Amino acid sequence: MEPFIKRRMTGYIAGMIGAYGNVGAVLFLTVLSFVSPFIFFMNIGAGALIVLIAVQFIEGFNGRMIEVMEDGTVEMIELA
């Protein structure tokens, strides 16, 4: 599930995730056609490890989201 960035943009974000997911699938299948399956899956594993290390440095939402309302006020929303 994609994170809530702004409630009004949830559909837009979900659409972008779906579109780029398809682009990634085509990219990975193209790479698989040029290398051996062993090399291909080692590269996927290395990429997953790099992403795992990178997300360890990102702070989460900690159950809260900040949204700027249309009138300019800032509201803290608790996520369950």
Protein backbone atom coordinates (compact mmCIF):
# COMPACT_ATOMS: atom_id res chain seq x y z
CA MET A 1 0.00 0.00 0.00
CA GLU A 2 1.38 3.35 -0.96
CA PRO A 3 1.89 5.81 1.88
CA PHE A 4 -0.48 8.69 2.41
CA ILE A 5 1.35 11.76 1.19
CA LYS A 6 -1.72 13.96 0.81
CA ARG A 7 -5.22 12.57 0.96
CA ARG A 8 -6.27 14.48 -2.15
CA MET A 9 -3.42 12.91 -4.15
CA THR A 10 -3.91 9.27 -3.16
CA GLY A 11 -5.41 8.28 -6.53
CA TYR A 12 -2.69 10.07 -8.45
CA ILE A 13 0.04 8.36 -6.42
CA ALA A 14 -1.60 4.93 -6.83
CA GLY A 15 -1.76 5.46 -10.61
CA MET A 16 1.90 6.42 -10.79
CA ILE A 17 2.89 3.36 -8.77
CA GLY A 18 0.91 1.12 -11.11
CA ALA A 19 2.33 2.70 -14.26
CA TYR A 20 5.95 2.62 -13.13
CA GLY A 21 5.48 -0.91 -11.82
CA ASN A 22 4.65 -2.01 -15.35
CA VAL A 23 7.65 -0.14 -16.75
CA GLY A 24 9.87 -1.89 -14.19
CA ALA A 25 8.48 -5.30 -15.13
CA VAL A 26 9.28 -4.73 -18.82
CA LEU A 27 12.74 -3.45 -17.91
CA PHE A 28 13.55 -6.50 -15.79
CA LEU A 29 12.29 -8.91 -18.47
CA THR A 30 14.43 -7.14 -21.06
CA VAL A 31 17.50 -7.48 -18.82
CA LEU A 32 16.69 -11.18 -18.29
CA SER A 33 16.78 -11.74 -22.04
CA PHE A 34 20.42 -10.53 -22.18
CA VAL A 35 21.97 -12.27 -19.15
CA SER A 36 21.83 -15.70 -17.55
CA PRO A 37 19.15 -16.34 -14.92
CA PHE A 38 21.81 -16.66 -12.21
CA ILE A 39 23.25 -13.19 -12.94
CA PHE A 40 19.72 -11.77 -13.27
CA PHE A 41 18.58 -12.98 -9.86
CA MET A 42 21.86 -11.97 -8.22
CA ASN A 43 21.28 -8.44 -9.55
CA ILE A 44 17.71 -8.42 -8.20
CA GLY A 45 19.02 -9.57 -4.81
CA ALA A 46 21.73 -6.91 -4.79
CA GLY A 47 19.16 -4.25 -5.70
CA ALA A 48 16.85 -5.42 -2.91
CA LEU A 49 19.73 -5.27 -0.44
CA ILE A 50 20.62 -1.72 -1.52
CA VAL A 51 17.00 -0.62 -1.10
CA LEU A 52 16.80 -2.31 2.31
CA ILE A 53 19.87 -0.42 3.49
CA ALA A 54 18.58 2.86 2.04
CA VAL A 55 15.17 2.68 3.73
CA GLN A 56 16.80 2.17 7.11
CA PHE A 57 17.80 5.84 7.00
CA ILE A 58 14.31 7.16 6.13
CA GLU A 59 12.18 8.28 9.04
CA GLY A 60 8.65 6.95 8.97
CA PHE A 61 5.41 8.77 9.57
CA ASN A 62 5.21 7.42 13.15
CA GLY A 63 1.44 7.08 12.89
CA ARG A 64 0.88 10.73 12.01
CA MET A 65 0.43 12.76 8.87
CA ILE A 66 0.56 16.53 8.40
CA GLU A 67 -1.72 18.11 5.84
CA VAL A 68 -2.09 21.74 4.83
CA MET A 69 -5.78 22.57 4.51
CA GLU A 70 -7.24 24.81 1.80
CA ASP A 71 -7.51 27.78 4.18
CA GLY A 72 -3.78 27.54 4.98
CA THR A 73 -4.06 25.91 8.40
CA VAL A 74 -1.95 22.88 9.21
CA GLU A 75 -3.65 19.80 10.64
CA MET A 76 -2.00 16.80 12.31
CA ILE A 77 -3.90 13.61 11.41
CA GLU A 78 -3.48 10.43 13.47
CA LEU A 79 -3.26 7.26 11.35
CA ALA A 80 -4.57 4.07 12.88
